[in-house]
Amino acid sequence: MFAFTLHGAKFDSSINDGRGSPTLRIQGQPCQRIGSLLPMLYHSPKFAQIYIFETENEIKNRIETIRNKSHTDLEIISKLKSMLDEHNTHAKSFRMARDRFNMDLRRDSILSPDKFRNSRRG
């Protein structure tokens, strides 16, 4: 829910036969995939995109990334978000990218309102 990246690796699940503790074996080089900073048209934001795109719906977007939504506490999610914004270097960097993106959108809409309206429609 608060991840900045997607963990990239080739996972070998053949060693889990149902007995004992689940085991995770990675083949090859593990990596972190960040992807685009903006979601594709008509797709919900994920990972770092949540810190930049449509932040007025950020809590809702975070909840949409998890499978079991029934046990989510909005207050805890909101407090964790605030804590990350205040203390996490990466969250601060992505917020700066959001501010820059929003500043560019405002500037473009002032300079060329018709072009801006058409580009936002997709």
N, C-alpha and C. Protein backbone atom coordinates (compact mmCIF):
# COMPACT_ATOMS: atom_id res chain seq x y z
N MET A 1 0.82 -1.20 0.00
CA MET A 1 0.00 0.00 0.00
C MET A 1 0.86 1.26 0.00
N PHE A 2 2.04 1.21 0.62
CA PHE A 2 2.92 2.38 0.67
C PHE A 2 4.21 2.18 -0.11
N ALA A 3 4.29 1.12 -0.90
CA ALA A 3 5.50 0.82 -1.66
C ALA A 3 5.72 1.85 -2.75
N PHE A 4 6.99 2.16 -2.99
CA PHE A 4 7.36 3.09 -4.05
C PHE A 4 7.61 2.34 -5.36
N THR A 5 8.00 1.07 -5.26
CA THR A 5 8.38 0.29 -6.43
C THR A 5 7.75 -1.09 -6.38
N LEU A 6 7.84 -1.80 -7.50
CA LEU A 6 7.41 -3.18 -7.61
C LEU A 6 8.65 -4.05 -7.54
N HIS A 7 8.62 -5.07 -6.71
CA HIS A 7 9.76 -5.96 -6.59
C HIS A 7 9.83 -6.83 -7.84
N GLY A 8 10.94 -6.80 -8.52
CA GLY A 8 11.11 -7.59 -9.73
C GLY A 8 12.08 -8.72 -9.52
N ALA A 9 11.66 -9.93 -9.73
CA ALA A 9 12.52 -11.10 -9.63
C ALA A 9 11.78 -12.29 -10.20
N LYS A 10 12.52 -13.32 -10.53
CA LYS A 10 11.90 -14.58 -10.97
C LYS A 10 11.78 -15.45 -9.73
N PHE A 11 10.54 -15.72 -9.32
CA PHE A 11 10.29 -16.49 -8.12
C PHE A 11 10.10 -17.97 -8.47
N ASP A 12 10.74 -18.83 -7.69
CA ASP A 12 10.61 -20.27 -7.86
C ASP A 12 9.71 -20.78 -6.75
N SER A 13 8.49 -21.14 -7.08
CA SER A 13 7.55 -21.62 -6.07
C SER A 13 7.48 -23.14 -6.01
N SER A 14 8.30 -23.83 -6.79
CA SER A 14 8.24 -25.30 -6.85
C SER A 14 8.70 -25.94 -5.55
N ILE A 15 9.41 -25.24 -4.71
CA ILE A 15 9.90 -25.84 -3.46
C ILE A 15 8.85 -25.84 -2.36
N ASN A 16 7.75 -25.12 -2.56
CA ASN A 16 6.66 -25.14 -1.58
C ASN A 16 5.71 -26.28 -1.91
N ASP A 17 5.74 -27.32 -1.08
CA ASP A 17 4.88 -28.47 -1.33
C ASP A 17 3.74 -28.58 -0.33
N GLY A 18 3.52 -27.53 0.46
CA GLY A 18 2.43 -27.54 1.43
C GLY A 18 2.85 -27.98 2.82
N ARG A 19 4.05 -28.55 2.95
CA ARG A 19 4.54 -28.95 4.26
C ARG A 19 5.56 -27.93 4.75
N GLY A 20 5.50 -27.60 6.01
CA GLY A 20 6.46 -26.68 6.59
C GLY A 20 6.16 -25.23 6.26
N SER A 21 7.10 -24.38 6.64
CA SER A 21 6.95 -22.93 6.41
C SER A 21 7.08 -22.60 4.94
N PRO A 22 6.32 -21.62 4.46
CA PRO A 22 6.49 -21.19 3.07
C PRO A 22 7.92 -20.69 2.83
N THR A 23 8.46 -21.06 1.69
CA THR A 23 9.83 -20.68 1.34
C THR A 23 9.80 -19.87 0.06
N LEU A 24 10.60 -18.82 0.03
CA LEU A 24 10.70 -17.98 -1.16
C LEU A 24 12.10 -18.14 -1.72
N ARG A 25 12.21 -18.59 -2.95
CA ARG A 25 13.51 -18.71 -3.61
C ARG A 25 13.48 -17.85 -4.86
N ILE A 26 14.46 -16.98 -4.96
CA ILE A 26 14.57 -16.08 -6.10
C ILE A 26 15.67 -16.58 -7.01
N GLN A 27 15.38 -16.64 -8.30
CA GLN A 27 16.39 -17.02 -9.28
C GLN A 27 16.86 -15.77 -10.01
N GLY A 28 18.15 -15.64 -10.18
CA GLY A 28 18.68 -14.51 -10.91
C GLY A 28 18.83 -13.28 -10.03
N GLN A 29 18.85 -12.13 -10.65
CA GLN A 29 19.10 -10.86 -9.98
C GLN A 29 17.80 -10.20 -9.54
N PRO A 30 17.61 -9.98 -8.23
CA PRO A 30 16.42 -9.22 -7.80
C PRO A 30 16.59 -7.74 -8.16
N CYS A 31 15.49 -7.07 -8.40
CA CYS A 31 15.55 -5.65 -8.75
C CYS A 31 14.27 -4.96 -8.27
N GLN A 32 14.26 -3.65 -8.36
CA GLN A 32 13.08 -2.86 -8.06
C GLN A 32 12.66 -2.16 -9.34
N ARG A 33 11.39 -2.26 -9.69
CA ARG A 33 10.88 -1.63 -10.90
C ARG A 33 10.01 -0.45 -10.50
N ILE A 34 10.35 0.72 -11.02
CA ILE A 34 9.59 1.91 -10.65
C ILE A 34 8.51 2.22 -11.68
N GLY A 35 8.74 1.95 -12.94
CA GLY A 35 7.74 2.22 -13.97
C GLY A 35 7.55 3.71 -14.19
N SER A 36 6.46 4.05 -14.84
CA SER A 36 6.13 5.44 -15.15
C SER A 36 5.66 6.17 -13.88
N LEU A 37 5.92 7.46 -13.82
CA LEU A 37 5.46 8.24 -12.68
C LEU A 37 4.00 8.64 -12.80
N LEU A 38 3.41 8.45 -13.96
CA LEU A 38 1.99 8.73 -14.16
C LEU A 38 1.32 7.47 -14.70
N PRO A 39 0.10 7.16 -14.23
CA PRO A 39 -0.58 5.95 -14.71
C PRO A 39 -1.05 6.11 -16.16
N MET A 40 -1.24 4.97 -16.80
CA MET A 40 -1.79 4.99 -18.15
C MET A 40 -3.22 5.49 -18.07
N LEU A 41 -3.72 6.01 -19.17
CA LEU A 41 -5.08 6.54 -19.24
C LEU A 41 -6.08 5.48 -18.80
N TYR A 42 -7.00 5.83 -17.92
CA TYR A 42 -8.06 4.97 -17.39
C TYR A 42 -7.55 3.87 -16.46
N HIS A 43 -6.30 3.94 -15.99
CA HIS A 43 -5.76 2.99 -15.03
C HIS A 43 -5.59 3.69 -13.68
N SER A 44 -5.78 2.95 -12.62
CA SER A 44 -5.58 3.51 -11.27
C SER A 44 -4.09 3.64 -10.99
N PRO A 45 -3.71 4.67 -10.23
CA PRO A 45 -2.29 4.80 -9.89
C PRO A 45 -1.83 3.70 -8.96
N LYS A 46 -0.55 3.31 -9.09
CA LYS A 46 0.04 2.28 -8.26
C LYS A 46 1.45 2.71 -7.88
N PHE A 47 1.94 2.20 -6.77
CA PHE A 47 3.29 2.43 -6.28
C PHE A 47 3.60 3.93 -6.22
N ALA A 48 4.69 4.38 -6.82
CA ALA A 48 5.09 5.78 -6.72
C ALA A 48 4.06 6.72 -7.34
N GLN A 49 3.27 6.23 -8.28
CA GLN A 49 2.25 7.07 -8.93
C GLN A 49 1.26 7.63 -7.91
N ILE A 50 1.01 6.89 -6.83
CA ILE A 50 0.06 7.34 -5.81
C ILE A 50 0.56 8.60 -5.12
N TYR A 51 1.88 8.77 -5.03
CA TYR A 51 2.45 9.95 -4.38
C TYR A 51 2.38 11.19 -5.27
N ILE A 52 2.13 11.00 -6.57
CA ILE A 52 2.21 12.09 -7.53
C ILE A 52 0.87 12.43 -8.16
N PHE A 53 0.13 11.42 -8.57
CA PHE A 53 -1.06 11.61 -9.41
C PHE A 53 -2.32 11.55 -8.58
N GLU A 54 -3.21 12.48 -8.78
CA GLU A 54 -4.53 12.51 -8.16
C GLU A 54 -4.45 12.35 -6.64
N THR A 55 -3.62 13.17 -6.02
CA THR A 55 -3.39 13.03 -4.57
C THR A 55 -4.59 13.45 -3.74
N GLU A 56 -5.57 14.11 -4.33
CA GLU A 56 -6.77 14.44 -3.57
C GLU A 56 -7.58 13.17 -3.25
N ASN A 57 -7.33 12.08 -3.98
CA ASN A 57 -7.99 10.79 -3.71
C ASN A 57 -6.97 9.74 -3.25
N GLU A 58 -5.91 10.19 -2.62
CA GLU A 58 -4.79 9.30 -2.32
C GLU A 58 -5.14 8.14 -1.39
N ILE A 59 -5.89 8.39 -0.34
CA ILE A 59 -6.24 7.32 0.60
C ILE A 59 -7.08 6.26 -0.12
N LYS A 60 -8.06 6.70 -0.90
CA LYS A 60 -8.90 5.77 -1.67
C LYS A 60 -8.04 4.98 -2.65
N ASN A 61 -7.11 5.65 -3.33
CA ASN A 61 -6.24 4.97 -4.28
C ASN A 61 -5.35 3.94 -3.58
N ARG A 62 -4.89 4.25 -2.39
CA ARG A 62 -4.07 3.29 -1.62
C ARG A 62 -4.88 2.06 -1.26
N ILE A 63 -6.10 2.26 -0.82
CA ILE A 63 -6.96 1.14 -0.43
C ILE A 63 -7.26 0.26 -1.64
N GLU A 64 -7.40 0.87 -2.82
CA GLU A 64 -7.69 0.10 -4.03
C GLU A 64 -6.55 -0.84 -4.40
N THR A 65 -5.35 -0.63 -3.89
CA THR A 65 -4.20 -1.48 -4.25
C THR A 65 -4.16 -2.78 -3.46
N ILE A 66 -4.99 -2.92 -2.43
CA ILE A 66 -4.94 -4.14 -1.62
C ILE A 66 -6.14 -5.04 -1.92
N ARG A 67 -5.96 -6.32 -1.68
CA ARG A 67 -7.02 -7.29 -2.00
C ARG A 67 -8.13 -7.27 -0.96
N ASN A 68 -7.78 -7.39 0.31
CA ASN A 68 -8.79 -7.48 1.37
C ASN A 68 -9.03 -6.09 1.96
N LYS A 69 -10.02 -5.41 1.44
CA LYS A 69 -10.30 -4.04 1.84
C LYS A 69 -11.17 -3.96 3.10
N SER A 70 -11.71 -5.08 3.55
CA SER A 70 -12.67 -5.06 4.65
C SER A 70 -12.04 -4.72 6.00
N HIS A 71 -10.75 -4.94 6.16
CA HIS A 71 -10.10 -4.69 7.45
C HIS A 71 -9.19 -3.47 7.41
N THR A 72 -9.53 -2.49 6.61
CA THR A 72 -8.69 -1.29 6.51
C THR A 72 -9.22 -0.21 7.44
N ASP A 73 -8.29 0.48 8.06
CA ASP A 73 -8.63 1.57 8.97
C ASP A 73 -8.15 2.87 8.34
N LEU A 74 -9.09 3.68 7.89
CA LEU A 74 -8.74 4.93 7.19
C LEU A 74 -7.87 5.85 8.03
N GLU A 75 -8.12 5.89 9.31
CA GLU A 75 -7.34 6.77 10.19
C GLU A 75 -5.88 6.32 10.26
N ILE A 76 -5.64 5.02 10.37
CA ILE A 76 -4.27 4.51 10.40
C ILE A 76 -3.57 4.79 9.08
N ILE A 77 -4.25 4.55 7.97
CA ILE A 77 -3.67 4.82 6.65
C ILE A 77 -3.32 6.30 6.51
N SER A 78 -4.22 7.16 6.94
CA SER A 78 -3.98 8.60 6.86
C SER A 78 -2.78 9.02 7.72
N LYS A 79 -2.67 8.46 8.92
CA LYS A 79 -1.55 8.80 9.80
C LYS A 79 -0.22 8.28 9.24
N LEU A 80 -0.23 7.08 8.68
CA LEU A 80 0.99 6.55 8.06
C LEU A 80 1.41 7.41 6.88
N LYS A 81 0.45 7.84 6.08
CA LYS A 81 0.74 8.72 4.94
C LYS A 81 1.39 10.01 5.42
N SER A 82 0.82 10.60 6.46
CA SER A 82 1.37 11.85 7.01
C SER A 82 2.78 11.65 7.56
N MET A 83 2.99 10.52 8.24
CA MET A 83 4.32 10.23 8.78
C MET A 83 5.34 10.08 7.66
N LEU A 84 4.98 9.36 6.60
CA LEU A 84 5.90 9.22 5.47
C LEU A 84 6.18 10.57 4.83
N ASP A 85 5.15 11.37 4.63
CA ASP A 85 5.33 12.69 4.02
C ASP A 85 6.29 13.55 4.84
N GLU A 86 6.23 13.41 6.15
CA GLU A 86 7.06 14.24 7.02
C GLU A 86 8.48 13.72 7.18
N HIS A 87 8.67 12.39 7.20
CA HIS A 87 9.96 11.84 7.60
C HIS A 87 10.69 11.04 6.54
N ASN A 88 10.03 10.63 5.45
CA ASN A 88 10.67 9.76 4.47
C ASN A 88 11.21 10.56 3.29
N THR A 89 12.49 10.39 3.03
CA THR A 89 13.16 11.13 1.95
C THR A 89 12.53 10.82 0.59
N HIS A 90 12.20 9.56 0.35
CA HIS A 90 11.62 9.19 -0.95
C HIS A 90 10.23 9.79 -1.13
N ALA A 91 9.42 9.75 -0.09
CA ALA A 91 8.09 10.35 -0.16
C ALA A 91 8.21 11.85 -0.46
N LYS A 92 9.16 12.51 0.19
CA LYS A 92 9.36 13.94 -0.06
C LYS A 92 9.76 14.19 -1.50
N SER A 93 10.62 13.34 -2.06
CA SER A 93 11.05 13.50 -3.45
C SER A 93 9.88 13.34 -4.41
N PHE A 94 9.04 12.35 -4.16
CA PHE A 94 7.88 12.15 -5.04
C PHE A 94 6.87 13.28 -4.88
N ARG A 95 6.75 13.84 -3.69
CA ARG A 95 5.86 15.00 -3.50
C ARG A 95 6.39 16.21 -4.27
N MET A 96 7.72 16.36 -4.32
CA MET A 96 8.29 17.46 -5.12
C MET A 96 7.98 17.25 -6.59
N ALA A 97 8.05 16.00 -7.05
CA ALA A 97 7.69 15.70 -8.44
C ALA A 97 6.22 16.04 -8.69
N ARG A 98 5.35 15.72 -7.72
CA ARG A 98 3.92 16.06 -7.84
C ARG A 98 3.74 17.56 -7.95
N ASP A 99 4.42 18.31 -7.09
CA ASP A 99 4.29 19.77 -7.12
C ASP A 99 4.76 20.33 -8.46
N ARG A 100 5.84 19.79 -8.99
CA ARG A 100 6.36 20.25 -10.28
C ARG A 100 5.37 19.91 -11.40
N PHE A 101 4.84 18.69 -11.36
CA PHE A 101 3.86 18.26 -12.35
C PHE A 101 2.63 19.18 -12.33
N ASN A 102 2.12 19.46 -11.13
CA ASN A 102 0.94 20.33 -11.00
C ASN A 102 1.25 21.76 -11.45
N MET A 103 2.46 22.24 -11.16
CA MET A 103 2.86 23.57 -11.58
C MET A 103 2.90 23.64 -13.12
N ASP A 104 3.45 22.59 -13.74
CA ASP A 104 3.50 22.55 -15.21
C ASP A 104 2.10 22.49 -15.81
N LEU A 105 1.19 21.73 -15.19
CA LEU A 105 -0.19 21.67 -15.68
C LEU A 105 -0.87 23.03 -15.61
N ARG A 106 -0.68 23.73 -14.50
CA ARG A 106 -1.28 25.06 -14.35
C ARG A 106 -0.72 26.02 -15.38
N ARG A 107 0.59 25.98 -15.57
CA ARG A 107 1.23 26.87 -16.54
C ARG A 107 0.72 26.58 -17.94
N ASP A 108 0.63 25.28 -18.30
CA ASP A 108 0.17 24.91 -19.64
C ASP A 108 -1.29 25.30 -19.85
N SER A 109 -2.12 25.17 -18.81
CA SER A 109 -3.54 25.52 -18.97
C SER A 109 -3.72 27.02 -19.12
N ILE A 110 -2.83 27.81 -18.53
CA ILE A 110 -2.91 29.27 -18.67
C ILE A 110 -2.43 29.70 -20.05
N LEU A 111 -1.33 29.07 -20.53
CA LEU A 111 -0.76 29.46 -21.81
C LEU A 111 -1.60 28.97 -22.99
N SER A 112 -2.18 27.79 -22.86
CA SER A 112 -2.94 27.22 -23.96
C SER A 112 -4.12 26.42 -23.42
N PRO A 113 -5.19 27.09 -23.00
CA PRO A 113 -6.31 26.38 -22.37
C PRO A 113 -6.97 25.34 -23.26
N ASP A 114 -7.11 25.59 -24.56
CA ASP A 114 -7.74 24.61 -25.45
C ASP A 114 -6.90 23.35 -25.57
N LYS A 115 -5.60 23.51 -25.73
CA LYS A 115 -4.70 22.36 -25.82
C LYS A 115 -4.74 21.56 -24.53
N PHE A 116 -4.78 22.24 -23.39
CA PHE A 116 -4.82 21.57 -22.08
C PHE A 116 -6.10 20.76 -21.94
N ARG A 117 -7.24 21.35 -22.26
CA ARG A 117 -8.53 20.64 -22.14
C ARG A 117 -8.55 19.40 -23.03
N ASN A 118 -8.05 19.52 -24.26
CA ASN A 118 -8.06 18.39 -25.18
C ASN A 118 -7.10 17.29 -24.73
N SER A 119 -5.95 17.64 -24.18
CA SER A 119 -4.99 16.64 -23.75
C SER A 119 -5.48 15.87 -22.54
N ARG A 120 -6.27 16.46 -21.67
CA ARG A 120 -6.78 15.78 -20.48
C ARG A 120 -7.93 14.83 -20.80
N ARG A 121 -8.56 14.99 -21.95
CA ARG A 121 -9.65 14.09 -22.33
C ARG A 121 -9.13 12.75 -22.79
N GLY A 122 -7.89 12.70 -23.22
CA GLY A 122 -7.33 11.43 -23.67
C GLY A 122 -7.37 11.35 -25.13
